[in-house]
Full PDB file with SEQRES, HELIX, SHEET, SSBOND, CRYST1, ORIGX, SCALE, CONECT and MASTER records, all heavy atoms in Angstrom:
SEQRES   1 A   38  ARG PRO PHE SER SER PRO ALA MET GLY TRP PHE ARG GLN          
SEQRES   2 A   38  ALA PRO GLY LYS GLU ARG GLU PHE VAL ALA GLY ILE ASN          
SEQRES   3 A   38  TRP ASN GLY GLY SER THR TYR TYR ALA ASP SER VAL              
HELIX    1 AA1 PRO A    2  SER A    4  5                                   3    
SHEET    1 AA1 3 ALA A   7  ARG A  12  0                                        
SHEET    2 AA1 3 GLU A  20  ASN A  26 -1                                        
SHEET    3 AA1 3 THR A  32  TYR A  34 -1                                        
CRYST1    1.000    1.000    1.000  90.00  90.00  90.00 P 1           1          
ORIGX1      1.000000  0.000000  0.000000        0.00000                         
ORIGX2      0.000000  1.000000  0.000000        0.00000                         
ORIGX3      0.000000  0.000000  1.000000        0.00000                         
SCALE1      1.000000  0.000000  0.000000        0.00000                         
SCALE2      0.000000  1.000000  0.000000        0.00000                         
SCALE3      0.000000  0.000000  1.000000        0.00000                         
ATOM      1  N   ARG A   1       0.852  -1.183   0.000  1.00  0.00           N  
ATOM      2  CA  ARG A   1       0.000   0.000   0.000  1.00  0.00           C  
ATOM      3  C   ARG A   1       0.891   1.238   0.000  1.00  0.00           C  
ATOM      4  O   ARG A   1       0.857   2.047   0.930  1.00  0.00           O  
ATOM      5  CB  ARG A   1      -0.940   0.003   1.205  1.00  0.00           C  
ATOM      6  CG  ARG A   1      -2.126   0.942   1.058  1.00  0.00           C  
ATOM      7  CD  ARG A   1      -2.975   0.943   2.316  1.00  0.00           C  
ATOM      8  NE  ARG A   1      -3.558  -0.359   2.586  1.00  0.00           N  
ATOM      9  CZ  ARG A   1      -4.266  -0.638   3.669  1.00  0.00           C  
ATOM     10  NH1 ARG A   1      -4.476   0.301   4.592  1.00  0.00           N  
ATOM     11  NH2 ARG A   1      -4.762  -1.860   3.830  1.00  0.00           N  
ATOM     12  N   PRO A   2       1.696   1.409  -1.048  1.00  0.00           N  
ATOM     13  CA  PRO A   2       2.696   2.490  -1.060  1.00  0.00           C  
ATOM     14  C   PRO A   2       2.099   3.887  -1.019  1.00  0.00           C  
ATOM     15  O   PRO A   2       2.731   4.805  -0.493  1.00  0.00           O  
ATOM     16  CB  PRO A   2       3.459   2.255  -2.365  1.00  0.00           C  
ATOM     17  CG  PRO A   2       2.503   1.500  -3.231  1.00  0.00           C  
ATOM     18  CD  PRO A   2       1.727   0.621  -2.282  1.00  0.00           C  
ATOM     19  N   PHE A   3       0.888   4.063  -1.537  1.00  0.00           N  
ATOM     20  CA  PHE A   3       0.299   5.398  -1.594  1.00  0.00           C  
ATOM     21  C   PHE A   3      -0.157   5.915  -0.233  1.00  0.00           C  
ATOM     22  O   PHE A   3      -0.478   7.096  -0.105  1.00  0.00           O  
ATOM     23  CB  PHE A   3      -0.866   5.421  -2.585  1.00  0.00           C  
ATOM     24  CG  PHE A   3      -0.490   4.977  -3.966  1.00  0.00           C  
ATOM     25  CD1 PHE A   3      -1.108   3.887  -4.554  1.00  0.00           C  
ATOM     26  CD2 PHE A   3       0.485   5.655  -4.683  1.00  0.00           C  
ATOM     27  CE1 PHE A   3      -0.756   3.467  -5.827  1.00  0.00           C  
ATOM     28  CE2 PHE A   3       0.848   5.249  -5.948  1.00  0.00           C  
ATOM     29  CZ  PHE A   3       0.222   4.152  -6.526  1.00  0.00           C  
ATOM     30  N   SER A   4      -0.175   5.065   0.772  1.00  0.00           N  
ATOM     31  CA  SER A   4      -0.533   5.494   2.120  1.00  0.00           C  
ATOM     32  C   SER A   4       0.621   6.193   2.829  1.00  0.00           C  
ATOM     33  O   SER A   4       0.430   6.777   3.896  1.00  0.00           O  
ATOM     34  CB  SER A   4      -1.004   4.303   2.950  1.00  0.00           C  
ATOM     35  OG  SER A   4       0.048   3.387   3.173  1.00  0.00           O  
ATOM     36  N   SER A   5       1.815   6.127   2.266  1.00  0.00           N  
ATOM     37  CA  SER A   5       3.000   6.761   2.842  1.00  0.00           C  
ATOM     38  C   SER A   5       3.458   7.896   1.943  1.00  0.00           C  
ATOM     39  O   SER A   5       4.048   7.644   0.894  1.00  0.00           O  
ATOM     40  CB  SER A   5       4.120   5.744   3.026  1.00  0.00           C  
ATOM     41  OG  SER A   5       3.737   4.718   3.919  1.00  0.00           O  
ATOM     42  N   PRO A   6       3.220   9.139   2.338  1.00  0.00           N  
ATOM     43  CA  PRO A   6       3.569  10.283   1.472  1.00  0.00           C  
ATOM     44  C   PRO A   6       5.049  10.613   1.420  1.00  0.00           C  
ATOM     45  O   PRO A   6       5.451  11.404   0.569  1.00  0.00           O  
ATOM     46  CB  PRO A   6       2.774  11.437   2.090  1.00  0.00           C  
ATOM     47  CG  PRO A   6       2.618  11.058   3.523  1.00  0.00           C  
ATOM     48  CD  PRO A   6       2.464   9.565   3.523  1.00  0.00           C  
ATOM     49  N   ALA A   7       5.849  10.031   2.292  1.00  0.00           N  
ATOM     50  CA  ALA A   7       7.268  10.346   2.311  1.00  0.00           C  
ATOM     51  C   ALA A   7       8.109   9.080   2.414  1.00  0.00           C  
ATOM     52  O   ALA A   7       7.717   8.090   3.031  1.00  0.00           O  
ATOM     53  CB  ALA A   7       7.600  11.285   3.471  1.00  0.00           C  
ATOM     54  N   MET A   8       9.287   9.144   1.820  1.00  0.00           N  
ATOM     55  CA  MET A   8      10.268   8.073   1.899  1.00  0.00           C  
ATOM     56  C   MET A   8      11.599   8.666   2.326  1.00  0.00           C  
ATOM     57  O   MET A   8      11.892   9.830   2.053  1.00  0.00           O  
ATOM     58  CB  MET A   8      10.433   7.377   0.555  1.00  0.00           C  
ATOM     59  CG  MET A   8       9.183   6.674   0.049  1.00  0.00           C  
ATOM     60  SD  MET A   8       8.848   5.145   0.967  1.00  0.00           S  
ATOM     61  CE  MET A   8      10.230   4.132   0.425  1.00  0.00           C  
ATOM     62  N   GLY A   9      12.407   7.851   2.973  1.00  0.00           N  
ATOM     63  CA  GLY A   9      13.699   8.336   3.420  1.00  0.00           C  
ATOM     64  C   GLY A   9      14.748   7.252   3.447  1.00  0.00           C  
ATOM     65  O   GLY A   9      14.450   6.056   3.324  1.00  0.00           O  
ATOM     66  N   TRP A  10      15.983   7.689   3.595  1.00  0.00           N  
ATOM     67  CA  TRP A  10      17.122   6.793   3.758  1.00  0.00           C  
ATOM     68  C   TRP A  10      17.823   7.105   5.075  1.00  0.00           C  
ATOM     69  O   TRP A  10      18.024   8.275   5.413  1.00  0.00           O  
ATOM     70  CB  TRP A  10      18.127   6.941   2.612  1.00  0.00           C  
ATOM     71  CG  TRP A  10      17.644   6.398   1.305  1.00  0.00           C  
ATOM     72  CD1 TRP A  10      17.022   7.070   0.309  1.00  0.00           C  
ATOM     73  CD2 TRP A  10      17.758   5.043   0.859  1.00  0.00           C  
ATOM     74  NE1 TRP A  10      16.735   6.238  -0.736  1.00  0.00           N  
ATOM     75  CE2 TRP A  10      17.174   4.982  -0.425  1.00  0.00           C  
ATOM     76  CE3 TRP A  10      18.293   3.883   1.410  1.00  0.00           C  
ATOM     77  CZ2 TRP A  10      17.110   3.801  -1.161  1.00  0.00           C  
ATOM     78  CZ3 TRP A  10      18.228   2.702   0.679  1.00  0.00           C  
ATOM     79  CH2 TRP A  10      17.644   2.674  -0.586  1.00  0.00           C  
ATOM     80  N   PHE A  11      18.172   6.049   5.801  1.00  0.00           N  
ATOM     81  CA  PHE A  11      18.925   6.149   7.041  1.00  0.00           C  
ATOM     82  C   PHE A  11      20.180   5.306   6.930  1.00  0.00           C  
ATOM     83  O   PHE A  11      20.259   4.398   6.108  1.00  0.00           O  
ATOM     84  CB  PHE A  11      18.086   5.664   8.226  1.00  0.00           C  
ATOM     85  CG  PHE A  11      16.978   6.593   8.630  1.00  0.00           C  
ATOM     86  CD1 PHE A  11      15.812   6.668   7.886  1.00  0.00           C  
ATOM     87  CD2 PHE A  11      17.101   7.387   9.759  1.00  0.00           C  
ATOM     88  CE1 PHE A  11      14.783   7.512   8.253  1.00  0.00           C  
ATOM     89  CE2 PHE A  11      16.078   8.236  10.145  1.00  0.00           C  
ATOM     90  CZ  PHE A  11      14.925   8.307   9.396  1.00  0.00           C  
ATOM     91  N   ARG A  12      21.153   5.578   7.783  1.00  0.00           N  
ATOM     92  CA  ARG A  12      22.339   4.744   7.830  1.00  0.00           C  
ATOM     93  C   ARG A  12      22.789   4.564   9.271  1.00  0.00           C  
ATOM     94  O   ARG A  12      22.532   5.412  10.129  1.00  0.00           O  
ATOM     95  CB  ARG A  12      23.476   5.333   6.995  1.00  0.00           C  
ATOM     96  CG  ARG A  12      24.051   6.643   7.525  1.00  0.00           C  
ATOM     97  CD  ARG A  12      25.052   7.207   6.539  1.00  0.00           C  
ATOM     98  NE  ARG A  12      25.702   8.409   7.044  1.00  0.00           N  
ATOM     99  CZ  ARG A  12      26.525   9.165   6.337  1.00  0.00           C  
ATOM    100  NH1 ARG A  12      26.816   8.834   5.068  1.00  0.00           N  
ATOM    101  NH2 ARG A  12      27.073  10.243   6.879  1.00  0.00           N  
ATOM    102  N   GLN A  13      23.458   3.448   9.515  1.00  0.00           N  
ATOM    103  CA  GLN A  13      23.958   3.148  10.848  1.00  0.00           C  
ATOM    104  C   GLN A  13      25.346   2.529  10.743  1.00  0.00           C  
ATOM    105  O   GLN A  13      25.506   1.439  10.196  1.00  0.00           O  
ATOM    106  CB  GLN A  13      23.018   2.205  11.594  1.00  0.00           C  
ATOM    107  CG  GLN A  13      23.407   1.975  13.044  1.00  0.00           C  
ATOM    108  CD  GLN A  13      22.316   1.277  13.824  1.00  0.00           C  
ATOM    109  OE1 GLN A  13      21.431   0.647  13.257  1.00  0.00           O  
ATOM    110  NE2 GLN A  13      22.369   1.398  15.138  1.00  0.00           N  
ATOM    111  N   ALA A  14      26.331   3.236  11.265  1.00  0.00           N  
ATOM    112  CA  ALA A  14      27.699   2.751  11.314  1.00  0.00           C  
ATOM    113  C   ALA A  14      27.905   1.963  12.602  1.00  0.00           C  
ATOM    114  O   ALA A  14      27.168   2.150  13.575  1.00  0.00           O  
ATOM    115  CB  ALA A  14      28.672   3.913  11.240  1.00  0.00           C  
ATOM    116  N   PRO A  15      28.904   1.084  12.643  1.00  0.00           N  
ATOM    117  CA  PRO A  15      29.163   0.301  13.858  1.00  0.00           C  
ATOM    118  C   PRO A  15      29.357   1.183  15.085  1.00  0.00           C  
ATOM    119  O   PRO A  15      30.124   2.145  15.049  1.00  0.00           O  
ATOM    120  CB  PRO A  15      30.442  -0.456  13.513  1.00  0.00           C  
ATOM    121  CG  PRO A  15      30.414  -0.583  12.029  1.00  0.00           C  
ATOM    122  CD  PRO A  15      29.815   0.706  11.547  1.00  0.00           C  
ATOM    123  N   GLY A  16      28.639   0.865  16.160  1.00  0.00           N  
ATOM    124  CA  GLY A  16      28.758   1.605  17.399  1.00  0.00           C  
ATOM    125  C   GLY A  16      28.050   2.942  17.427  1.00  0.00           C  
ATOM    126  O   GLY A  16      28.177   3.677  18.412  1.00  0.00           O  
ATOM    127  N   LYS A  17      27.306   3.277  16.378  1.00  0.00           N  
ATOM    128  CA  LYS A  17      26.623   4.563  16.315  1.00  0.00           C  
ATOM    129  C   LYS A  17      25.121   4.382  16.160  1.00  0.00           C  
ATOM    130  O   LYS A  17      24.637   3.313  15.793  1.00  0.00           O  
ATOM    131  CB  LYS A  17      27.170   5.405  15.161  1.00  0.00           C  
ATOM    132  CG  LYS A  17      28.620   5.819  15.311  1.00  0.00           C  
ATOM    133  CD  LYS A  17      29.042   6.773  14.215  1.00  0.00           C  
ATOM    134  CE  LYS A  17      30.460   7.254  14.415  1.00  0.00           C  
ATOM    135  NZ  LYS A  17      30.867   8.214  13.352  1.00  0.00           N  
ATOM    136  N   GLU A  18      24.382   5.449  16.439  1.00  0.00           N  
ATOM    137  CA  GLU A  18      22.933   5.440  16.273  1.00  0.00           C  
ATOM    138  C   GLU A  18      22.570   5.539  14.799  1.00  0.00           C  
ATOM    139  O   GLU A  18      23.330   6.065  13.981  1.00  0.00           O  
ATOM    140  CB  GLU A  18      22.308   6.603  17.037  1.00  0.00           C  
ATOM    141  CG  GLU A  18      22.523   6.566  18.538  1.00  0.00           C  
ATOM    142  CD  GLU A  18      21.794   5.427  19.191  1.00  0.00           C  
ATOM    143  OE1 GLU A  18      20.669   5.099  18.739  1.00  0.00           O  
ATOM    144  OE2 GLU A  18      22.331   4.851  20.143  1.00  0.00           O  
ATOM    145  N   ARG A  19      21.385   5.024  14.467  1.00  0.00           N  
ATOM    146  CA  ARG A  19      20.885   5.159  13.110  1.00  0.00           C  
ATOM    147  C   ARG A  19      20.542   6.622  12.854  1.00  0.00           C  
ATOM    148  O   ARG A  19      19.842   7.256  13.644  1.00  0.00           O  
ATOM    149  CB  ARG A  19      19.649   4.278  12.915  1.00  0.00           C  
ATOM    150  CG  ARG A  19      19.160   4.203  11.483  1.00  0.00           C  
ATOM    151  CD  ARG A  19      18.029   3.188  11.337  1.00  0.00           C  
ATOM    152  NE  ARG A  19      18.466   1.843  11.689  1.00  0.00           N  
ATOM    153  CZ  ARG A  19      17.685   0.771  11.607  1.00  0.00           C  
ATOM    154  NH1 ARG A  19      16.434   0.887  11.187  1.00  0.00           N  
ATOM    155  NH2 ARG A  19      18.159  -0.413  11.959  1.00  0.00           N  
ATOM    156  N   GLU A  20      21.049   7.167  11.745  1.00  0.00           N  
ATOM    157  CA  GLU A  20      20.860   8.574  11.461  1.00  0.00           C  
ATOM    158  C   GLU A  20      20.194   8.802  10.108  1.00  0.00           C  
ATOM    159  O   GLU A  20      20.376   8.039   9.159  1.00  0.00           O  
ATOM    160  CB  GLU A  20      22.203   9.321  11.507  1.00  0.00           C  
ATOM    161  CG  GLU A  20      23.191   8.893  10.433  1.00  0.00           C  
ATOM    162  CD  GLU A  20      24.468   9.712  10.438  1.00  0.00           C  
ATOM    163  OE1 GLU A  20      24.531  10.731  11.153  1.00  0.00           O  
ATOM    164  OE2 GLU A  20      25.416   9.326   9.724  1.00  0.00           O  
ATOM    165  N   PHE A  21      19.447   9.877  10.031  1.00  0.00           N  
ATOM    166  CA  PHE A  21      18.774  10.273   8.806  1.00  0.00           C  
ATOM    167  C   PHE A  21      19.784  10.735   7.771  1.00  0.00           C  
ATOM    168  O   PHE A  21      20.740  11.446   8.089  1.00  0.00           O  
ATOM    169  CB  PHE A  21      17.782  11.399   9.108  1.00  0.00           C  
ATOM    170  CG  PHE A  21      17.161  12.017   7.891  1.00  0.00           C  
ATOM    171  CD1 PHE A  21      16.090  11.413   7.256  1.00  0.00           C  
ATOM    172  CD2 PHE A  21      17.642  13.205   7.376  1.00  0.00           C  
ATOM    173  CE1 PHE A  21      15.511  11.977   6.135  1.00  0.00           C  
ATOM    174  CE2 PHE A  21      17.078  13.782   6.263  1.00  0.00           C  
ATOM    175  CZ  PHE A  21      16.007  13.159   5.640  1.00  0.00           C  
ATOM    176  N   VAL A  22      19.564  10.345   6.515  1.00  0.00           N  
ATOM    177  CA  VAL A  22      20.440  10.721   5.413  1.00  0.00           C  
ATOM    178  C   VAL A  22      19.732  11.637   4.419  1.00  0.00           C  
ATOM    179  O   VAL A  22      20.229  12.706   4.078  1.00  0.00           O  
ATOM    180  CB  VAL A  22      20.981   9.487   4.673  1.00  0.00           C  
ATOM    181  CG1 VAL A  22      21.813   9.900   3.460  1.00  0.00           C  
ATOM    182  CG2 VAL A  22      21.810   8.625   5.620  1.00  0.00           C  
ATOM    183  N   ALA A  23      18.565  11.202   3.923  1.00  0.00           N  
ATOM    184  CA  ALA A  23      17.842  11.961   2.907  1.00  0.00           C  
ATOM    185  C   ALA A  23      16.386  11.561   2.906  1.00  0.00           C  
ATOM    186  O   ALA A  23      16.034  10.442   3.270  1.00  0.00           O  
ATOM    187  CB  ALA A  23      18.451  11.727   1.520  1.00  0.00           C  
ATOM    188  N   GLY A  24      15.519  12.484   2.465  1.00  0.00           N  
ATOM    189  CA  GLY A  24      14.095  12.210   2.391  1.00  0.00           C  
ATOM    190  C   GLY A  24      13.486  12.812   1.143  1.00  0.00           C  
ATOM    191  O   GLY A  24      14.053  13.729   0.544  1.00  0.00           O  
ATOM    192  N   ILE A  25      12.320  12.291   0.755  1.00  0.00           N  
ATOM    193  CA  ILE A  25      11.620  12.782  -0.421  1.00  0.00           C  
ATOM    194  C   ILE A  25      10.122  12.603  -0.232  1.00  0.00           C  
ATOM    195  O   ILE A  25       9.676  11.614   0.357  1.00  0.00           O  
ATOM    196  CB  ILE A  25      12.113  12.066  -1.702  1.00  0.00           C  
ATOM    197  CG1 ILE A  25      11.526  12.719  -2.954  1.00  0.00           C  
ATOM    198  CG2 ILE A  25      11.789  10.572  -1.656  1.00  0.00           C  
ATOM    199  CD1 ILE A  25      12.200  12.253  -4.240  1.00  0.00           C  
ATOM    200  N   ASN A  26       9.344  13.562  -0.726  1.00  0.00           N  
ATOM    201  CA  ASN A  26       7.891  13.459  -0.727  1.00  0.00           C  
ATOM    202  C   ASN A  26       7.429  12.904  -2.064  1.00  0.00           C  
ATOM    203  O   ASN A  26       7.864  13.376  -3.117  1.00  0.00           O  
ATOM    204  CB  ASN A  26       7.255  14.829  -0.493  1.00  0.00           C  
ATOM    205  CG  ASN A  26       7.581  15.406   0.869  1.00  0.00           C  
ATOM    206  OD1 ASN A  26       7.715  14.669   1.844  1.00  0.00           O  
ATOM    207  ND2 ASN A  26       7.694  16.722   0.943  1.00  0.00           N  
ATOM    208  N   TRP A  27       6.559  11.893  -2.030  1.00  0.00           N  
ATOM    209  CA  TRP A  27       6.071  11.289  -3.266  1.00  0.00           C  
ATOM    210  C   TRP A  27       5.391  12.311  -4.171  1.00  0.00           C  
ATOM    211  O   TRP A  27       5.668  12.375  -5.364  1.00  0.00           O  
ATOM    212  CB  TRP A  27       5.074  10.166  -2.960  1.00  0.00           C  
ATOM    213  CG  TRP A  27       5.687   8.872  -2.552  1.00  0.00           C  
ATOM    214  CD1 TRP A  27       5.646   8.300  -1.316  1.00  0.00           C  
ATOM    215  CD2 TRP A  27       6.426   7.968  -3.387  1.00  0.00           C  
ATOM    216  NE1 TRP A  27       6.307   7.100  -1.326  1.00  0.00           N  
ATOM    217  CE2 TRP A  27       6.795   6.870  -2.578  1.00  0.00           C  
ATOM    218  CE3 TRP A  27       6.803   7.987  -4.734  1.00  0.00           C  
ATOM    219  CZ2 TRP A  27       7.525   5.794  -3.073  1.00  0.00           C  
ATOM    220  CZ3 TRP A  27       7.539   6.919  -5.224  1.00  0.00           C  
ATOM    221  CH2 TRP A  27       7.890   5.839  -4.405  1.00  0.00           C  
ATOM    222  N   ASN A  28       4.486  13.089  -3.586  1.00  0.00           N  
ATOM    223  CA  ASN A  28       3.737  14.079  -4.345  1.00  0.00           C  
ATOM    224  C   ASN A  28       4.506  15.389  -4.368  1.00  0.00           C  
ATOM    225  O   ASN A  28       4.593  16.084  -3.364  1.00  0.00           O  
ATOM    226  CB  ASN A  28       2.351  14.274  -3.742  1.00  0.00           C  
ATOM    227  CG  ASN A  28       1.433  15.083  -4.633  1.00  0.00           C  
ATOM    228  OD1 ASN A  28       1.807  15.496  -5.725  1.00  0.00           O  
ATOM    229  ND2 ASN A  28       0.209  15.309  -4.172  1.00  0.00           N  
ATOM    230  N   GLY A  29       5.061  15.727  -5.528  1.00  0.00           N  
ATOM    231  CA  GLY A  29       5.830  16.952  -5.678  1.00  0.00           C  
ATOM    232  C   GLY A  29       7.319  16.713  -5.755  1.00  0.00           C  
ATOM    233  O   GLY A  29       8.040  17.469  -6.420  1.00  0.00           O  
ATOM    234  N   GLY A  30       7.797  15.676  -5.066  1.00  0.00           N  
ATOM    235  CA  GLY A  30       9.194  15.301  -5.162  1.00  0.00           C  
ATOM    236  C   GLY A  30      10.169  16.179  -4.396  1.00  0.00           C  
ATOM    237  O   GLY A  30      11.372  16.149  -4.684  1.00  0.00           O  
ATOM    238  N   SER A  31       9.698  16.960  -3.425  1.00  0.00           N  
ATOM    239  CA  SER A  31      10.598  17.782  -2.620  1.00  0.00           C  
ATOM    240  C   SER A  31      11.582  16.894  -1.870  1.00  0.00           C  
ATOM    241  O   SER A  31      11.209  15.849  -1.339  1.00  0.00           O  
ATOM    242  CB  SER A  31       9.815  18.631  -1.626  1.00  0.00           C  
ATOM    243  OG  SER A  31       8.962  19.537  -2.302  1.00  0.00           O  
ATOM    244  N   THR A  32      12.832  17.322  -1.818  1.00  0.00           N  
ATOM    245  CA  THR A  32      13.882  16.538  -1.180  1.00  0.00           C  
ATOM    246  C   THR A  32      14.539  17.310  -0.052  1.00  0.00           C  
ATOM    247  O   THR A  32      14.523  18.546  -0.029  1.00  0.00           O  
ATOM    248  CB  THR A  32      14.959  16.123  -2.193  1.00  0.00           C  
ATOM    249  OG1 THR A  32      15.549  17.300  -2.768  1.00  0.00           O  
ATOM    250  CG2 THR A  32      14.351  15.283  -3.307  1.00  0.00           C  
ATOM    251  N   TYR A  33      15.148  16.569   0.880  1.00  0.00           N  
ATOM    252  CA  TYR A  33      15.847  17.186   1.990  1.00  0.00           C  
ATOM    253  C   TYR A  33      16.936  16.225   2.468  1.00  0.00           C  
ATOM    254  O   TYR A  33      16.790  15.010   2.368  1.00  0.00           O  
ATOM    255  CB  TYR A  33      14.887  17.558   3.133  1.00  0.00           C  
ATOM    256  CG  TYR A  33      13.810  16.536   3.405  1.00  0.00           C  
ATOM    257  CD1 TYR A  33      13.921  15.647   4.465  1.00  0.00           C  
ATOM    258  CD2 TYR A  33      12.667  16.472   2.606  1.00  0.00           C  
ATOM    259  CE1 TYR A  33      12.935  14.709   4.717  1.00  0.00           C  
ATOM    260  CE2 TYR A  33      11.677  15.537   2.854  1.00  0.00           C  
ATOM    261  CZ  TYR A  33      11.815  14.660   3.915  1.00  0.00           C  
ATOM    262  OH  TYR A  33      10.830  13.731   4.167  1.00  0.00           O  
ATOM    263  N   TYR A  34      18.049  16.786   2.993  1.00  0.00           N  
ATOM    264  CA  TYR A  34      19.242  15.999   3.258  1.00  0.00           C  
ATOM    265  C   TYR A  34      19.881  16.349   4.590  1.00  0.00           C  
ATOM    266  O   TYR A  34      19.741  17.472   5.096  1.00  0.00           O  
ATOM    267  CB  TYR A  34      20.288  16.239   2.171  1.00  0.00           C  
ATOM    268  CG  TYR A  34      19.847  15.886   0.778  1.00  0.00           C  
ATOM    269  CD1 TYR A  34      19.191  16.814  -0.023  1.00  0.00           C  
ATOM    270  CD2 TYR A  34      20.093  14.627   0.254  1.00  0.00           C  
ATOM    271  CE1 TYR A  34      18.786  16.489  -1.309  1.00  0.00           C  
ATOM    272  CE2 TYR A  34      19.696  14.294  -1.034  1.00  0.00           C  
ATOM    273  CZ  TYR A  34      19.045  15.229  -1.801  1.00  0.00           C  
ATOM    274  OH  TYR A  34      18.650  14.899  -3.079  1.00  0.00           O  
ATOM    275  N   ALA A  35      20.620  15.388   5.130  1.00  0.00           N  
ATOM    276  CA  ALA A  35      21.509  15.669   6.234  1.00  0.00           C  
ATOM    277  C   ALA A  35      22.678  16.510   5.724  1.00  0.00           C  
ATOM    278  O   ALA A  35      23.109  16.358   4.580  1.00  0.00           O  
ATOM    279  CB  ALA A  35      22.027  14.371   6.851  1.00  0.00           C  
ATOM    280  N   ASP A  36      23.195  17.382   6.574  1.00  0.00           N  
ATOM    281  CA  ASP A  36      24.285  18.258   6.164  1.00  0.00           C  
ATOM    282  C   ASP A  36      25.515  17.480   5.699  1.00  0.00           C  
ATOM    283  O   ASP A  36      26.250  17.930   4.819  1.00  0.00           O  
ATOM    284  CB  ASP A  36      24.677  19.192   7.313  1.00  0.00           C  
ATOM    285  CG  ASP A  36      23.634  20.253   7.585  1.00  0.00           C  
ATOM    286  OD1 ASP A  36      22.788  20.514   6.709  1.00  0.00           O  
ATOM    287  OD2 ASP A  36      23.666  20.832   8.694  1.00  0.00           O  
ATOM    288  N   SER A  37      25.734  16.316   6.269  1.00  0.00           N  
ATOM    289  CA  SER A  37      26.923  15.538   5.969  1.00  0.00           C  
ATOM    290  C   SER A  37      26.957  14.977   4.550  1.00  0.00           C  
ATOM    291  O   SER A  37      28.027  14.611   4.057  1.00  0.00           O  
ATOM    292  CB  SER A  37      27.070  14.385   6.971  1.00  0.00           C  
ATOM    293  OG  SER A  37      25.942  13.526   6.919  1.00  0.00           O  
ATOM    294  N   VAL A  38      25.798  14.910   3.887  1.00  0.00           N  
ATOM    295  CA  VAL A  38      25.740  14.328   2.549  1.00  0.00           C  
ATOM    296  C   VAL A  38      25.261  15.312   1.496  1.00  0.00           C  
ATOM    297  O   VAL A  38      25.318  15.000   0.298  1.00  0.00           O  
ATOM    298  CB  VAL A  38      24.852  13.073   2.507  1.00  0.00           C  
ATOM    299  CG1 VAL A  38      25.301  12.064   3.556  1.00  0.00           C  
ATOM    300  CG2 VAL A  38      23.387  13.433   2.704  1.00  0.00           C  
TER     301      VAL A  38                                                      
MASTER        0    0    0    1    3    0    0    6  300    1    0    3          
END                                                                             
């Protein structure tokens, strides 16, 4: 049911670290947003 989720994102987790946000996108319109590191 992909249309029930208006946003998608990518996270990453390095050894010994917390899972962190990398990038996101809205399905409708395609607006994007990123972590400063990437």
